[in-house]
Structures are given as structure tokens and as C-alpha cells.
Amino acid sequence: MIVGDRAETVWMSIEAFQRATGPKEMFRVPGASHVDLYDRPAAVGAAAEKLAEFFGKHL
């Protein structure tokens, strides 16, 4: 799960992560809001790198 640490919905991500099973990891993008994860290049890049790392290990 990837979440901006300034997102108003962080609590929802934490709750969903706690309920998830199987391989899981939570990555908080420092200083990012929810919207930043869609259109701020630094936040998008950090999220994409983490996704590639996770998928490389688990797929």
C-alpha cells in the first residue's frame, strides 16, 4: 500500500493494511498528499520505484 503521509485518508490506508493478508508492505511517501501521488513527479517516482521493488519480489 502506498500513501502520502500528508493525505487526509491515511487512517483508511492504515486500517486496510492491517486487515490485508499475504505479502504486504506499507510505504508512506514523505510530504505527499493523496493528489500528489497522481501528478507530482517526485511523489509519483517514489511510488513507482516502490511498486517495482515489491512486484519484483512477490510476482
PDB file of N, CA and C in Angstrom:
ATOM      1  N   MET A   1       0.847  -1.146   0.000  1.00  0.00           N
ATOM      2  CA  MET A   1       0.000   0.000   0.000  1.00  0.00           C
ATOM      3  C   MET A   1       0.903   1.222   0.000  1.00  0.00           C
ATOM      4  N   ILE A   2       0.561   2.178  -0.823  1.00  0.00           N
ATOM      5  CA  ILE A   2       1.328   3.417  -0.899  1.00  0.00           C
ATOM      6  C   ILE A   2       0.406   4.562  -0.532  1.00  0.00           C
ATOM      7  N   VAL A   3       0.896   5.412   0.351  1.00  0.00           N
ATOM      8  CA  VAL A   3       0.083   6.526   0.832  1.00  0.00           C
ATOM      9  C   VAL A   3       0.985   7.737   1.057  1.00  0.00           C
ATOM     10  N   GLY A   4       0.469   8.900   0.710  1.00  0.00           N
ATOM     11  CA  GLY A   4       1.185  10.123   1.046  1.00  0.00           C
ATOM     12  C   GLY A   4       1.029  10.373   2.536  1.00  0.00           C
ATOM     13  N   ASP A   5       2.103  10.719   3.211  1.00  0.00           N
ATOM     14  CA  ASP A   5       1.989  10.872   4.665  1.00  0.00           C
ATOM     15  C   ASP A   5       1.212  12.123   5.084  1.00  0.00           C
ATOM     16  N   ARG A   6       0.855  12.972   4.119  1.00  0.00           N
ATOM     17  CA  ARG A   6       0.003  14.129   4.424  1.00  0.00           C
ATOM     18  C   ARG A   6      -1.433  13.945   3.914  1.00  0.00           C
ATOM     19  N   ALA A   7      -1.745  12.783   3.392  1.00  0.00           N
ATOM     20  CA  ALA A   7      -3.094  12.526   2.876  1.00  0.00           C
ATOM     21  C   ALA A   7      -4.104  12.510   4.017  1.00  0.00           C
ATOM     22  N   GLU A   8      -5.258  13.087   3.758  1.00  0.00           N
ATOM     23  CA  GLU A   8      -6.315  13.093   4.775  1.00  0.00           C
ATOM     24  C   GLU A   8      -6.866  11.697   5.029  1.00  0.00           C
ATOM     25  N   THR A   9      -6.606  10.795   4.120  1.00  0.00           N
ATOM     26  CA  THR A   9      -7.140   9.434   4.207  1.00  0.00           C
ATOM     27  C   THR A   9      -6.121   8.417   4.724  1.00  0.00           C
ATOM     28  N   VAL A  10      -5.032   8.890   5.328  1.00  0.00           N
ATOM     29  CA  VAL A  10      -4.011   7.960   5.840  1.00  0.00           C
ATOM     30  C   VAL A  10      -4.637   6.919   6.755  1.00  0.00           C
ATOM     31  N   TRP A  11      -5.561   7.320   7.581  1.00  0.00           N
ATOM     32  CA  TRP A  11      -6.176   6.383   8.524  1.00  0.00           C
ATOM     33  C   TRP A  11      -6.868   5.234   7.788  1.00  0.00           C
ATOM     34  N   MET A  12      -7.453   5.515   6.632  1.00  0.00           N
ATOM     35  CA  MET A  12      -8.111   4.454   5.865  1.00  0.00           C
ATOM     36  C   MET A  12      -7.075   3.464   5.327  1.00  0.00           C
ATOM     37  N   SER A  13      -5.962   3.981   4.883  1.00  0.00           N
ATOM     38  CA  SER A  13      -4.899   3.116   4.375  1.00  0.00           C
ATOM     39  C   SER A  13      -4.341   2.225   5.475  1.00  0.00           C
ATOM     40  N   ILE A  14      -4.143   2.792   6.643  1.00  0.00           N
ATOM     41  CA  ILE A  14      -3.639   2.009   7.776  1.00  0.00           C
ATOM     42  C   ILE A  14      -4.625   0.908   8.137  1.00  0.00           C
ATOM     43  N   GLU A  15      -5.890   1.249   8.178  1.00  0.00           N
ATOM     44  CA  GLU A  15      -6.919   0.256   8.521  1.00  0.00           C
ATOM     45  C   GLU A  15      -6.972  -0.861   7.483  1.00  0.00           C
ATOM     46  N   ALA A  16      -6.931  -0.513   6.208  1.00  0.00           N
ATOM     47  CA  ALA A  16      -6.964  -1.526   5.151  1.00  0.00           C
ATOM     48  C   ALA A  16      -5.713  -2.400   5.204  1.00  0.00           C
ATOM     49  N   PHE A  17      -4.567  -1.790   5.447  1.00  0.00           N
ATOM     50  CA  PHE A  17      -3.314  -2.542   5.541  1.00  0.00           C
ATOM     51  C   PHE A  17      -3.362  -3.547   6.681  1.00  0.00           C
ATOM     52  N   GLN A  18      -3.881  -3.142   7.809  1.00  0.00           N
ATOM     53  CA  GLN A  18      -3.956  -4.040   8.960  1.00  0.00           C
ATOM     54  C   GLN A  18      -4.853  -5.236   8.684  1.00  0.00           C
ATOM     55  N   ARG A  19      -5.853  -5.067   7.849  1.00  0.00           N
ATOM     56  CA  ARG A  19      -6.780  -6.157   7.537  1.00  0.00           C
ATOM     57  C   ARG A  19      -6.296  -7.045   6.387  1.00  0.00           C
ATOM     58  N   ALA A  20      -5.348  -6.556   5.624  1.00  0.00           N
ATOM     59  CA  ALA A  20      -4.870  -7.302   4.458  1.00  0.00           C
ATOM     60  C   ALA A  20      -4.076  -8.533   4.893  1.00  0.00           C
ATOM     61  N   THR A  21      -4.094  -9.548   4.030  1.00  0.00           N
ATOM     62  CA  THR A  21      -3.314 -10.757   4.278  1.00  0.00           C
ATOM     63  C   THR A  21      -2.302 -10.928   3.150  1.00  0.00           C
ATOM     64  N   GLY A  22      -1.452 -11.906   3.309  1.00  0.00           N
ATOM     65  CA  GLY A  22      -0.480 -12.197   2.264  1.00  0.00           C
ATOM     66  C   GLY A  22       0.692 -11.238   2.290  1.00  0.00           C
ATOM     67  N   PRO A  23       1.509 -11.267   1.258  1.00  0.00           N
ATOM     68  CA  PRO A  23       2.624 -10.333   1.212  1.00  0.00           C
ATOM     69  C   PRO A  23       2.089  -8.904   1.214  1.00  0.00           C
ATOM     70  N   LYS A  24       2.575  -8.119   2.134  1.00  0.00           N
ATOM     71  CA  LYS A  24       2.109  -6.738   2.191  1.00  0.00           C
ATOM     72  C   LYS A  24       3.197  -5.843   2.739  1.00  0.00           C
ATOM     73  N   GLU A  25       3.093  -4.600   2.353  1.00  0.00           N
ATOM     74  CA  GLU A  25       4.037  -3.595   2.807  1.00  0.00           C
ATOM     75  C   GLU A  25       3.341  -2.244   2.696  1.00  0.00           C
ATOM     76  N   MET A  26       3.602  -1.369   3.621  1.00  0.00           N
ATOM     77  CA  MET A  26       3.068  -0.015   3.535  1.00  0.00           C
ATOM     78  C   MET A  26       4.230   0.934   3.327  1.00  0.00           C
ATOM     79  N   PHE A  27       4.091   1.784   2.333  1.00  0.00           N
ATOM     80  CA  PHE A  27       5.104   2.781   2.025  1.00  0.00           C
ATOM     81  C   PHE A  27       4.460   4.153   2.093  1.00  0.00           C
ATOM     82  N   ARG A  28       4.989   4.992   2.946  1.00  0.00           N
ATOM     83  CA  ARG A  28       4.490   6.362   3.077  1.00  0.00           C
ATOM     84  C   ARG A  28       5.435   7.297   2.327  1.00  0.00           C
ATOM     85  N   VAL A  29       4.880   8.044   1.398  1.00  0.00           N
ATOM     86  CA  VAL A  29       5.674   8.999   0.631  1.00  0.00           C
ATOM     87  C   VAL A  29       5.763  10.279   1.452  1.00  0.00           C
ATOM     88  N   PRO A  30       6.965  10.626   1.903  1.00  0.00           N
ATOM     89  CA  PRO A  30       7.121  11.788   2.768  1.00  0.00           C
ATOM     90  C   PRO A  30       6.670  13.090   2.106  1.00  0.00           C
ATOM     91  N   GLY A  31       5.869  13.853   2.834  1.00  0.00           N
ATOM     92  CA  GLY A  31       5.437  15.164   2.370  1.00  0.00           C
ATOM     93  C   GLY A  31       4.381  15.161   1.293  1.00  0.00           C
ATOM     94  N   ALA A  32       3.856  13.996   0.921  1.00  0.00           N
ATOM     95  CA  ALA A  32       2.894  13.904  -0.178  1.00  0.00           C
ATOM     96  C   ALA A  32       1.462  13.826   0.324  1.00  0.00           C
ATOM     97  N   SER A  33       0.579  14.476  -0.411  1.00  0.00           N
ATOM     98  CA  SER A  33      -0.854  14.329  -0.170  1.00  0.00           C
ATOM     99  C   SER A  33      -1.368  13.237  -1.107  1.00  0.00           C
ATOM    100  N   HIS A  34      -2.647  12.950  -1.020  1.00  0.00           N
ATOM    101  CA  HIS A  34      -3.240  11.941  -1.902  1.00  0.00           C
ATOM    102  C   HIS A  34      -3.074  12.342  -3.372  1.00  0.00           C
ATOM    103  N   VAL A  35      -3.389  13.574  -3.681  1.00  0.00           N
ATOM    104  CA  VAL A  35      -3.340  14.049  -5.072  1.00  0.00           C
ATOM    105  C   VAL A  35      -1.907  14.086  -5.596  1.00  0.00           C
ATOM    106  N   ASP A  36      -0.942  14.377  -4.733  1.00  0.00           N
ATOM    107  CA  ASP A  36       0.457  14.409  -5.164  1.00  0.00           C
ATOM    108  C   ASP A  36       0.895  13.087  -5.774  1.00  0.00           C
ATOM    109  N   LEU A  37       0.296  11.998  -5.348  1.00  0.00           N
ATOM    110  CA  LEU A  37       0.678  10.686  -5.864  1.00  0.00           C
ATOM    111  C   LEU A  37       0.225  10.478  -7.308  1.00  0.00           C
ATOM    112  N   TYR A  38      -0.602  11.393  -7.818  1.00  0.00           N
ATOM    113  CA  TYR A  38      -1.043  11.327  -9.207  1.00  0.00           C
ATOM    114  C   TYR A  38      -0.249  12.249 -10.119  1.00  0.00           C
ATOM    115  N   ASP A  39       0.183  13.410  -9.601  1.00  0.00           N
ATOM    116  CA  ASP A  39       0.741  14.385 -10.534  1.00  0.00           C
ATOM    117  C   ASP A  39       1.991  15.134 -10.078  1.00  0.00           C
ATOM    118  N   ARG A  40       2.555  14.819  -8.951  1.00  0.00           N
ATOM    119  CA  ARG A  40       3.813  15.445  -8.551  1.00  0.00           C
ATOM    120  C   ARG A  40       4.941  14.471  -8.882  1.00  0.00           C
ATOM    121  N   PRO A  41       5.799  14.826  -9.829  1.00  0.00           N
ATOM    122  CA  PRO A  41       6.806  13.873 -10.321  1.00  0.00           C
ATOM    123  C   PRO A  41       7.625  13.180  -9.232  1.00  0.00           C
ATOM    124  N   ALA A  42       8.047  13.895  -8.208  1.00  0.00           N
ATOM    125  CA  ALA A  42       8.856  13.259  -7.158  1.00  0.00           C
ATOM    126  C   ALA A  42       8.047  12.197  -6.413  1.00  0.00           C
ATOM    127  N   ALA A  43       6.804  12.487  -6.115  1.00  0.00           N
ATOM    128  CA  ALA A  43       5.951  11.532  -5.403  1.00  0.00           C
ATOM    129  C   ALA A  43       5.612  10.340  -6.290  1.00  0.00           C
ATOM    130  N   VAL A  44       5.293  10.609  -7.541  1.00  0.00           N
ATOM    131  CA  VAL A  44       4.970   9.531  -8.476  1.00  0.00           C
ATOM    132  C   VAL A  44       6.187   8.632  -8.664  1.00  0.00           C
ATOM    133  N   GLY A  45       7.355   9.228  -8.800  1.00  0.00           N
ATOM    134  CA  GLY A  45       8.582   8.447  -8.975  1.00  0.00           C
ATOM    135  C   GLY A  45       8.875   7.560  -7.784  1.00  0.00           C
ATOM    136  N   ALA A  46       8.718   8.108  -6.573  1.00  0.00           N
ATOM    137  CA  ALA A  46       8.949   7.311  -5.356  1.00  0.00           C
ATOM    138  C   ALA A  46       7.975   6.143  -5.287  1.00  0.00           C
ATOM    139  N   ALA A  47       6.712   6.407  -5.622  1.00  0.00           N
ATOM    140  CA  ALA A  47       5.700   5.342  -5.597  1.00  0.00           C
ATOM    141  C   ALA A  47       6.002   4.277  -6.642  1.00  0.00           C
ATOM    142  N   ALA A  48       6.374   4.698  -7.847  1.00  0.00           N
ATOM    143  CA  ALA A  48       6.663   3.744  -8.927  1.00  0.00           C
ATOM    144  C   ALA A  48       7.863   2.869  -8.577  1.00  0.00           C
ATOM    145  N   GLU A  49       8.893   3.459  -7.994  1.00  0.00           N
ATOM    146  CA  GLU A  49      10.064   2.674  -7.591  1.00  0.00           C
ATOM    147  C   GLU A  49       9.692   1.619  -6.554  1.00  0.00           C
ATOM    148  N   LYS A  50       8.879   2.007  -5.595  1.00  0.00           N
ATOM    149  CA  LYS A  50       8.468   1.067  -4.544  1.00  0.00           C
ATOM    150  C   LYS A  50       7.612  -0.051  -5.127  1.00  0.00           C
ATOM    151  N   LEU A  51       6.712   0.290  -6.040  1.00  0.00           N
ATOM    152  CA  LEU A  51       5.888  -0.736  -6.690  1.00  0.00           C
ATOM    153  C   LEU A  51       6.749  -1.727  -7.454  1.00  0.00           C
ATOM    154  N   ALA A  52       7.710  -1.226  -8.203  1.00  0.00           N
ATOM    155  CA  ALA A  52       8.589  -2.118  -8.982  1.00  0.00           C
ATOM    156  C   ALA A  52       9.366  -3.054  -8.052  1.00  0.00           C
ATOM    157  N   GLU A  53       9.841  -2.521  -6.941  1.00  0.00           N
ATOM    158  CA  GLU A  53      10.575  -3.341  -5.972  1.00  0.00           C
ATOM    159  C   GLU A  53       9.671  -4.436  -5.381  1.00  0.00           C
ATOM    160  N   PHE A  54       8.469  -4.051  -4.971  1.00  0.00           N
ATOM    161  CA  PHE A  54       7.546  -5.004  -4.358  1.00  0.00           C
ATOM    162  C   PHE A  54       7.126  -6.072  -5.357  1.00  0.00           C
ATOM    163  N   PHE A  55       6.742  -5.662  -6.567  1.00  0.00           N
ATOM    164  CA  PHE A  55       6.317  -6.623  -7.567  1.00  0.00           C
ATOM    165  C   PHE A  55       7.476  -7.532  -7.972  1.00  0.00           C
ATOM    166  N   GLY A  56       8.691  -7.009  -8.027  1.00  0.00           N
ATOM    167  CA  GLY A  56       9.851  -7.831  -8.341  1.00  0.00           C
ATOM    168  C   GLY A  56      10.071  -8.947  -7.335  1.00  0.00           C
ATOM    169  N   LYS A  57       9.758  -8.674  -6.084  1.00  0.00           N
ATOM    170  CA  LYS A  57       9.926  -9.682  -5.035  1.00  0.00           C
ATOM    171  C   LYS A  57       8.785 -10.691  -4.992  1.00  0.00           C
ATOM    172  N   HIS A  58       7.562 -10.256  -5.286  1.00  0.00           N
ATOM    173  CA  HIS A  58       6.385 -11.075  -5.000  1.00  0.00           C
ATOM    174  C   HIS A  58       5.633 -11.600  -6.224  1.00  0.00           C
ATOM    175  N   LEU A  59       6.007 -11.188  -7.415  1.00  0.00           N
ATOM    176  CA  LEU A  59       5.316 -11.713  -8.600  1.00  0.00           C
ATOM    177  C   LEU A  59       6.210 -12.635  -9.392  1.00  0.00           C
TER     178      LEU A  59
END
